[in-house]
Amino acid sequence: MKNFGKNVNIKAKTQPNTSEKDIFITTIDLLDQCCKRSDQLTSEWGFNVSDYDESFYSIIESLLYIKYSEGKTDVILWWVYNRFDDKGKLMPIKFNDHINKTEEEVFVETPTDLWKFLKRVDKLDKK
């Protein structure tokens, strides 16, 4: 096994000391850009790449489920695919604080906002 991969030249796209937050934000931003580009190809050019892209999206979604659990992944995927209504208006997500028995509508505009929202969920889950 000592020669395994000796002819393979793989270079990481991120630095080894990059924070989980930075990797998350970059990854979600790229995923969002890919989805928008696919939608744009379909709407503007009539070129549907969904059959081609589906496997890649399935892989990404599976990795998100492994890393962030079902609940958080559902929030992430909602943000990527469904945060805008049919008219392009940003939709809020409800944050239910079961400890203080409050509910709040939160507008999650950016991947950074999404990270912060998931961290709020983490804090609530740890109580």
N, C-alpha and C. Protein backbone atom coordinates (compact mmCIF):
# COMPACT_ATOMS: atom_id res chain seq x y z
N MET A 1 0.81 -1.21 0.00
CA MET A 1 0.00 0.00 0.00
C MET A 1 0.85 1.27 0.00
N LYS A 2 2.15 1.15 0.23
CA LYS A 2 2.94 2.38 0.31
C LYS A 2 3.01 3.13 -1.02
N ASN A 3 2.81 2.46 -2.14
CA ASN A 3 2.83 3.13 -3.44
C ASN A 3 1.44 3.48 -3.94
N PHE A 4 0.45 3.24 -3.12
CA PHE A 4 -0.93 3.51 -3.52
C PHE A 4 -1.10 4.99 -3.84
N GLY A 5 -1.56 5.26 -5.05
CA GLY A 5 -1.84 6.62 -5.45
C GLY A 5 -0.64 7.47 -5.78
N LYS A 6 0.52 6.85 -5.97
CA LYS A 6 1.72 7.66 -6.20
C LYS A 6 1.66 8.43 -7.52
N ASN A 7 0.88 7.95 -8.47
CA ASN A 7 0.75 8.65 -9.75
C ASN A 7 -0.48 9.55 -9.81
N VAL A 8 -1.15 9.68 -8.69
CA VAL A 8 -2.34 10.51 -8.64
C VAL A 8 -1.95 11.85 -8.03
N ASN A 9 -2.29 12.91 -8.74
CA ASN A 9 -1.95 14.25 -8.27
C ASN A 9 -3.25 14.96 -7.88
N ILE A 10 -3.58 14.91 -6.60
CA ILE A 10 -4.80 15.53 -6.11
C ILE A 10 -4.42 16.71 -5.24
N LYS A 11 -4.98 17.85 -5.57
CA LYS A 11 -4.72 19.05 -4.78
C LYS A 11 -6.03 19.51 -4.17
N ALA A 12 -5.99 19.73 -2.89
CA ALA A 12 -7.18 20.19 -2.17
C ALA A 12 -7.56 21.59 -2.63
N LYS A 13 -8.87 21.82 -2.74
CA LYS A 13 -9.36 23.15 -3.12
C LYS A 13 -9.38 24.10 -1.93
N THR A 14 -9.42 23.54 -0.72
CA THR A 14 -9.41 24.37 0.48
C THR A 14 -8.15 24.09 1.28
N GLN A 15 -7.73 25.05 2.04
CA GLN A 15 -6.57 24.89 2.89
C GLN A 15 -6.92 23.99 4.07
N PRO A 16 -5.97 23.20 4.56
CA PRO A 16 -6.27 22.28 5.66
C PRO A 16 -6.75 22.97 6.94
N ASN A 17 -6.38 24.22 7.14
CA ASN A 17 -6.78 24.93 8.37
C ASN A 17 -8.04 25.78 8.17
N THR A 18 -8.76 25.59 7.06
CA THR A 18 -9.99 26.33 6.82
C THR A 18 -11.06 25.88 7.80
N SER A 19 -11.79 26.81 8.35
CA SER A 19 -12.81 26.47 9.36
C SER A 19 -14.01 25.78 8.72
N GLU A 20 -14.72 25.03 9.52
CA GLU A 20 -15.94 24.38 9.05
C GLU A 20 -16.94 25.42 8.54
N LYS A 21 -17.01 26.55 9.23
CA LYS A 21 -17.91 27.62 8.81
C LYS A 21 -17.56 28.11 7.42
N ASP A 22 -16.29 28.37 7.16
CA ASP A 22 -15.87 28.86 5.85
C ASP A 22 -16.13 27.84 4.74
N ILE A 23 -15.85 26.58 5.04
CA ILE A 23 -16.11 25.52 4.05
C ILE A 23 -17.60 25.41 3.79
N PHE A 24 -18.42 25.47 4.83
CA PHE A 24 -19.88 25.40 4.68
C PHE A 24 -20.37 26.54 3.80
N ILE A 25 -19.97 27.76 4.11
CA ILE A 25 -20.43 28.94 3.38
C ILE A 25 -20.03 28.85 1.90
N THR A 26 -18.80 28.48 1.64
CA THR A 26 -18.33 28.34 0.26
C THR A 26 -19.09 27.24 -0.47
N THR A 27 -19.29 26.12 0.19
CA THR A 27 -19.97 24.98 -0.43
C THR A 27 -21.42 25.31 -0.74
N ILE A 28 -22.12 25.90 0.20
CA ILE A 28 -23.53 26.24 -0.02
C ILE A 28 -23.66 27.31 -1.09
N ASP A 29 -22.75 28.26 -1.10
CA ASP A 29 -22.77 29.28 -2.14
C ASP A 29 -22.56 28.65 -3.52
N LEU A 30 -21.62 27.73 -3.64
CA LEU A 30 -21.38 27.05 -4.92
C LEU A 30 -22.58 26.20 -5.33
N LEU A 31 -23.18 25.49 -4.38
CA LEU A 31 -24.36 24.69 -4.67
C LEU A 31 -25.50 25.58 -5.17
N ASP A 32 -25.68 26.71 -4.52
CA ASP A 32 -26.71 27.66 -4.94
C ASP A 32 -26.44 28.18 -6.35
N GLN A 33 -25.20 28.53 -6.64
CA GLN A 33 -24.84 29.00 -7.97
C GLN A 33 -25.10 27.93 -9.04
N CYS A 34 -24.77 26.68 -8.72
CA CYS A 34 -25.01 25.58 -9.67
C CYS A 34 -26.50 25.42 -9.96
N CYS A 35 -27.32 25.48 -8.92
CA CYS A 35 -28.77 25.36 -9.10
C CYS A 35 -29.31 26.50 -9.95
N LYS A 36 -28.86 27.71 -9.67
CA LYS A 36 -29.30 28.87 -10.45
C LYS A 36 -28.87 28.75 -11.90
N ARG A 37 -27.66 28.27 -12.14
CA ARG A 37 -27.17 28.12 -13.50
C ARG A 37 -27.99 27.07 -14.25
N SER A 38 -28.31 25.97 -13.59
CA SER A 38 -29.15 24.94 -14.21
C SER A 38 -30.53 25.49 -14.55
N ASP A 39 -31.11 26.23 -13.61
CA ASP A 39 -32.43 26.84 -13.85
C ASP A 39 -32.37 27.84 -15.00
N GLN A 40 -31.30 28.60 -15.06
CA GLN A 40 -31.14 29.60 -16.11
C GLN A 40 -31.01 28.93 -17.49
N LEU A 41 -30.26 27.84 -17.56
CA LEU A 41 -30.13 27.12 -18.83
C LEU A 41 -31.49 26.64 -19.32
N THR A 42 -32.31 26.17 -18.37
CA THR A 42 -33.64 25.67 -18.74
C THR A 42 -34.55 26.82 -19.15
N SER A 43 -34.61 27.88 -18.32
CA SER A 43 -35.57 28.95 -18.59
C SER A 43 -35.20 29.83 -19.78
N GLU A 44 -33.91 30.12 -19.95
CA GLU A 44 -33.51 31.03 -21.02
C GLU A 44 -33.18 30.33 -22.33
N TRP A 45 -32.70 29.11 -22.26
CA TRP A 45 -32.25 28.44 -23.47
C TRP A 45 -33.02 27.16 -23.77
N GLY A 46 -33.87 26.73 -22.85
CA GLY A 46 -34.62 25.50 -23.05
C GLY A 46 -33.73 24.27 -23.01
N PHE A 47 -32.58 24.41 -22.37
CA PHE A 47 -31.62 23.31 -22.28
C PHE A 47 -31.72 22.72 -20.88
N ASN A 48 -32.39 21.60 -20.76
CA ASN A 48 -32.65 20.97 -19.46
C ASN A 48 -31.52 20.00 -19.11
N VAL A 49 -30.80 20.32 -18.04
CA VAL A 49 -29.69 19.47 -17.61
C VAL A 49 -30.03 18.69 -16.34
N SER A 50 -31.30 18.69 -15.95
CA SER A 50 -31.67 18.06 -14.68
C SER A 50 -31.35 16.57 -14.65
N ASP A 51 -31.53 15.86 -15.75
CA ASP A 51 -31.17 14.44 -15.75
C ASP A 51 -29.68 14.24 -15.54
N TYR A 52 -28.89 15.11 -16.11
CA TYR A 52 -27.44 15.05 -15.96
C TYR A 52 -27.02 15.43 -14.54
N ASP A 53 -27.59 16.49 -14.01
CA ASP A 53 -27.22 17.02 -12.70
C ASP A 53 -27.74 16.20 -11.52
N GLU A 54 -28.81 15.46 -11.71
CA GLU A 54 -29.50 14.79 -10.60
C GLU A 54 -28.57 13.93 -9.74
N SER A 55 -27.70 13.18 -10.36
CA SER A 55 -26.78 12.31 -9.59
C SER A 55 -25.85 13.14 -8.71
N PHE A 56 -25.37 14.26 -9.25
CA PHE A 56 -24.47 15.10 -8.47
C PHE A 56 -25.20 15.70 -7.26
N TYR A 57 -26.42 16.18 -7.49
CA TYR A 57 -27.19 16.73 -6.39
C TYR A 57 -27.51 15.67 -5.34
N SER A 58 -27.79 14.45 -5.78
CA SER A 58 -28.07 13.35 -4.84
C SER A 58 -26.85 13.05 -3.97
N ILE A 59 -25.68 13.07 -4.57
CA ILE A 59 -24.44 12.85 -3.81
C ILE A 59 -24.25 13.95 -2.78
N ILE A 60 -24.40 15.18 -3.20
CA ILE A 60 -24.22 16.32 -2.29
C ILE A 60 -25.23 16.25 -1.15
N GLU A 61 -26.49 15.97 -1.47
CA GLU A 61 -27.52 15.87 -0.43
C GLU A 61 -27.21 14.74 0.55
N SER A 62 -26.74 13.61 0.06
CA SER A 62 -26.38 12.50 0.94
C SER A 62 -25.25 12.88 1.89
N LEU A 63 -24.25 13.58 1.37
CA LEU A 63 -23.15 14.02 2.23
C LEU A 63 -23.62 15.02 3.27
N LEU A 64 -24.56 15.89 2.90
CA LEU A 64 -25.12 16.82 3.88
C LEU A 64 -25.85 16.06 4.98
N TYR A 65 -26.62 15.02 4.62
CA TYR A 65 -27.33 14.22 5.62
C TYR A 65 -26.35 13.54 6.58
N ILE A 66 -25.25 13.05 6.04
CA ILE A 66 -24.24 12.40 6.89
C ILE A 66 -23.65 13.41 7.87
N LYS A 67 -23.32 14.59 7.40
CA LYS A 67 -22.65 15.59 8.24
C LYS A 67 -23.59 16.33 9.18
N TYR A 68 -24.78 16.72 8.68
CA TYR A 68 -25.61 17.65 9.45
C TYR A 68 -26.93 17.08 9.95
N SER A 69 -27.20 15.84 9.77
CA SER A 69 -28.43 15.19 10.21
C SER A 69 -29.62 15.60 9.36
N GLU A 70 -30.72 14.91 9.53
CA GLU A 70 -31.89 15.12 8.68
C GLU A 70 -32.50 16.51 8.84
N GLY A 71 -32.71 16.94 10.07
CA GLY A 71 -33.37 18.23 10.30
C GLY A 71 -32.61 19.40 9.72
N LYS A 72 -31.31 19.46 9.99
CA LYS A 72 -30.51 20.57 9.48
C LYS A 72 -30.37 20.49 7.96
N THR A 73 -30.23 19.28 7.44
CA THR A 73 -30.12 19.13 5.99
C THR A 73 -31.40 19.57 5.31
N ASP A 74 -32.54 19.28 5.91
CA ASP A 74 -33.81 19.75 5.35
C ASP A 74 -33.84 21.27 5.27
N VAL A 75 -33.31 21.94 6.30
CA VAL A 75 -33.24 23.40 6.30
C VAL A 75 -32.29 23.88 5.20
N ILE A 76 -31.14 23.24 5.08
CA ILE A 76 -30.17 23.61 4.06
C ILE A 76 -30.78 23.47 2.66
N LEU A 77 -31.42 22.34 2.42
CA LEU A 77 -32.01 22.09 1.10
C LEU A 77 -33.18 23.03 0.83
N TRP A 78 -33.95 23.34 1.88
CA TRP A 78 -35.01 24.34 1.72
C TRP A 78 -34.40 25.66 1.25
N TRP A 79 -33.29 26.06 1.90
CA TRP A 79 -32.66 27.32 1.54
C TRP A 79 -32.19 27.31 0.08
N VAL A 80 -31.57 26.23 -0.33
CA VAL A 80 -31.04 26.15 -1.69
C VAL A 80 -32.16 26.13 -2.73
N TYR A 81 -33.19 25.31 -2.50
CA TYR A 81 -34.20 25.07 -3.53
C TYR A 81 -35.49 25.88 -3.39
N ASN A 82 -35.87 26.27 -2.19
CA ASN A 82 -37.23 26.80 -1.98
C ASN A 82 -37.32 28.10 -1.21
N ARG A 83 -36.24 28.83 -1.02
CA ARG A 83 -36.32 30.03 -0.19
C ARG A 83 -37.05 31.18 -0.88
N PHE A 84 -37.24 31.08 -2.18
CA PHE A 84 -37.97 32.12 -2.90
C PHE A 84 -39.33 31.59 -3.35
N ASP A 85 -40.35 32.45 -3.28
CA ASP A 85 -41.66 32.05 -3.79
C ASP A 85 -41.68 32.17 -5.31
N ASP A 86 -42.82 31.92 -5.92
CA ASP A 86 -42.94 31.96 -7.39
C ASP A 86 -42.64 33.32 -8.00
N LYS A 87 -42.78 34.37 -7.18
CA LYS A 87 -42.53 35.73 -7.67
C LYS A 87 -41.11 36.21 -7.36
N GLY A 88 -40.30 35.33 -6.77
CA GLY A 88 -38.92 35.69 -6.46
C GLY A 88 -38.72 36.35 -5.11
N LYS A 89 -39.77 36.36 -4.30
CA LYS A 89 -39.69 36.98 -2.97
C LYS A 89 -39.09 35.99 -1.97
N LEU A 90 -38.14 36.47 -1.17
CA LEU A 90 -37.52 35.65 -0.14
C LEU A 90 -38.54 35.27 0.91
N MET A 91 -38.63 33.98 1.22
CA MET A 91 -39.57 33.48 2.21
C MET A 91 -38.85 33.28 3.55
N PRO A 92 -39.53 33.55 4.65
CA PRO A 92 -38.90 33.32 5.96
C PRO A 92 -39.01 31.85 6.36
N ILE A 93 -38.17 31.48 7.29
CA ILE A 93 -38.26 30.16 7.90
C ILE A 93 -38.64 30.38 9.36
N LYS A 94 -39.42 29.48 9.91
CA LYS A 94 -39.85 29.64 11.30
C LYS A 94 -38.83 29.00 12.24
N PHE A 95 -38.47 29.77 13.26
CA PHE A 95 -37.59 29.27 14.31
C PHE A 95 -38.45 29.07 15.54
N ASN A 96 -38.62 27.82 15.92
CA ASN A 96 -39.43 27.48 17.09
C ASN A 96 -38.53 27.22 18.29
N ASP A 97 -38.61 28.10 19.26
CA ASP A 97 -37.87 27.94 20.50
C ASP A 97 -38.78 27.20 21.48
N HIS A 98 -38.59 25.88 21.57
CA HIS A 98 -39.46 25.07 22.41
C HIS A 98 -39.20 25.28 23.90
N ILE A 99 -38.07 25.85 24.24
CA ILE A 99 -37.78 26.11 25.66
C ILE A 99 -38.53 27.35 26.13
N ASN A 100 -38.43 28.44 25.38
CA ASN A 100 -39.11 29.68 25.75
C ASN A 100 -40.52 29.76 25.16
N LYS A 101 -40.89 28.74 24.42
CA LYS A 101 -42.22 28.67 23.80
C LYS A 101 -42.51 29.92 22.94
N THR A 102 -41.54 30.22 22.08
CA THR A 102 -41.70 31.33 21.15
C THR A 102 -41.49 30.84 19.72
N GLU A 103 -42.02 31.62 18.79
CA GLU A 103 -41.84 31.32 17.37
C GLU A 103 -41.46 32.62 16.69
N GLU A 104 -40.49 32.53 15.80
CA GLU A 104 -39.99 33.72 15.12
C GLU A 104 -39.80 33.41 13.64
N GLU A 105 -40.17 34.33 12.78
CA GLU A 105 -39.89 34.19 11.36
C GLU A 105 -38.52 34.82 11.08
N VAL A 106 -37.65 34.04 10.46
CA VAL A 106 -36.29 34.49 10.20
C VAL A 106 -36.06 34.50 8.69
N PHE A 107 -35.54 35.61 8.19
CA PHE A 107 -35.19 35.70 6.78
C PHE A 107 -33.71 35.34 6.64
N VAL A 108 -33.46 34.27 5.92
CA VAL A 108 -32.11 33.75 5.75
C VAL A 108 -31.68 34.08 4.32
N GLU A 109 -30.93 35.17 4.18
CA GLU A 109 -30.61 35.68 2.85
C GLU A 109 -29.35 35.08 2.24
N THR A 110 -28.37 34.78 3.06
CA THR A 110 -27.06 34.36 2.55
C THR A 110 -26.63 33.04 3.18
N PRO A 111 -25.62 32.38 2.61
CA PRO A 111 -25.08 31.19 3.27
C PRO A 111 -24.57 31.47 4.68
N THR A 112 -24.06 32.69 4.90
CA THR A 112 -23.62 33.06 6.25
C THR A 112 -24.81 33.13 7.20
N ASP A 113 -25.92 33.70 6.74
CA ASP A 113 -27.15 33.72 7.54
C ASP A 113 -27.63 32.30 7.84
N LEU A 114 -27.50 31.43 6.85
CA LEU A 114 -27.91 30.04 7.02
C LEU A 114 -27.05 29.36 8.09
N TRP A 115 -25.76 29.60 8.05
CA TRP A 115 -24.85 29.05 9.06
C TRP A 115 -25.27 29.53 10.46
N LYS A 116 -25.53 30.82 10.59
CA LYS A 116 -25.93 31.38 11.88
C LYS A 116 -27.25 30.78 12.35
N PHE A 117 -28.20 30.60 11.42
CA PHE A 117 -29.48 30.00 11.78
C PHE A 117 -29.27 28.58 12.30
N LEU A 118 -28.45 27.79 11.62
CA LEU A 118 -28.19 26.41 12.05
C LEU A 118 -27.48 26.38 13.40
N LYS A 119 -26.65 27.35 13.67
CA LYS A 119 -25.98 27.42 14.98
C LYS A 119 -27.00 27.74 16.08
N ARG A 120 -28.00 28.56 15.77
CA ARG A 120 -29.08 28.82 16.74
C ARG A 120 -29.84 27.53 17.03
N VAL A 121 -30.09 26.75 15.99
CA VAL A 121 -30.75 25.46 16.18
C VAL A 121 -29.90 24.55 17.06
N ASP A 122 -28.59 24.54 16.81
CA ASP A 122 -27.66 23.74 17.63
C ASP A 122 -27.76 24.11 19.10
N LYS A 123 -27.73 25.40 19.39
CA LYS A 123 -27.80 25.87 20.77
C LYS A 123 -29.09 25.42 21.44
N LEU A 124 -30.16 25.50 20.71
CA LEU A 124 -31.46 25.09 21.24
C LEU A 124 -31.51 23.59 21.49
N ASP A 125 -30.91 22.83 20.58
CA ASP A 125 -30.89 21.36 20.72
C ASP A 125 -30.05 20.92 21.91
N LYS A 126 -29.06 21.72 22.30
CA LYS A 126 -28.15 21.34 23.40
C LYS A 126 -28.74 21.66 24.77
N LYS A 127 -29.81 22.44 24.79
CA LYS A 127 -30.42 22.81 26.08
C LYS A 127 -31.30 21.72 26.59
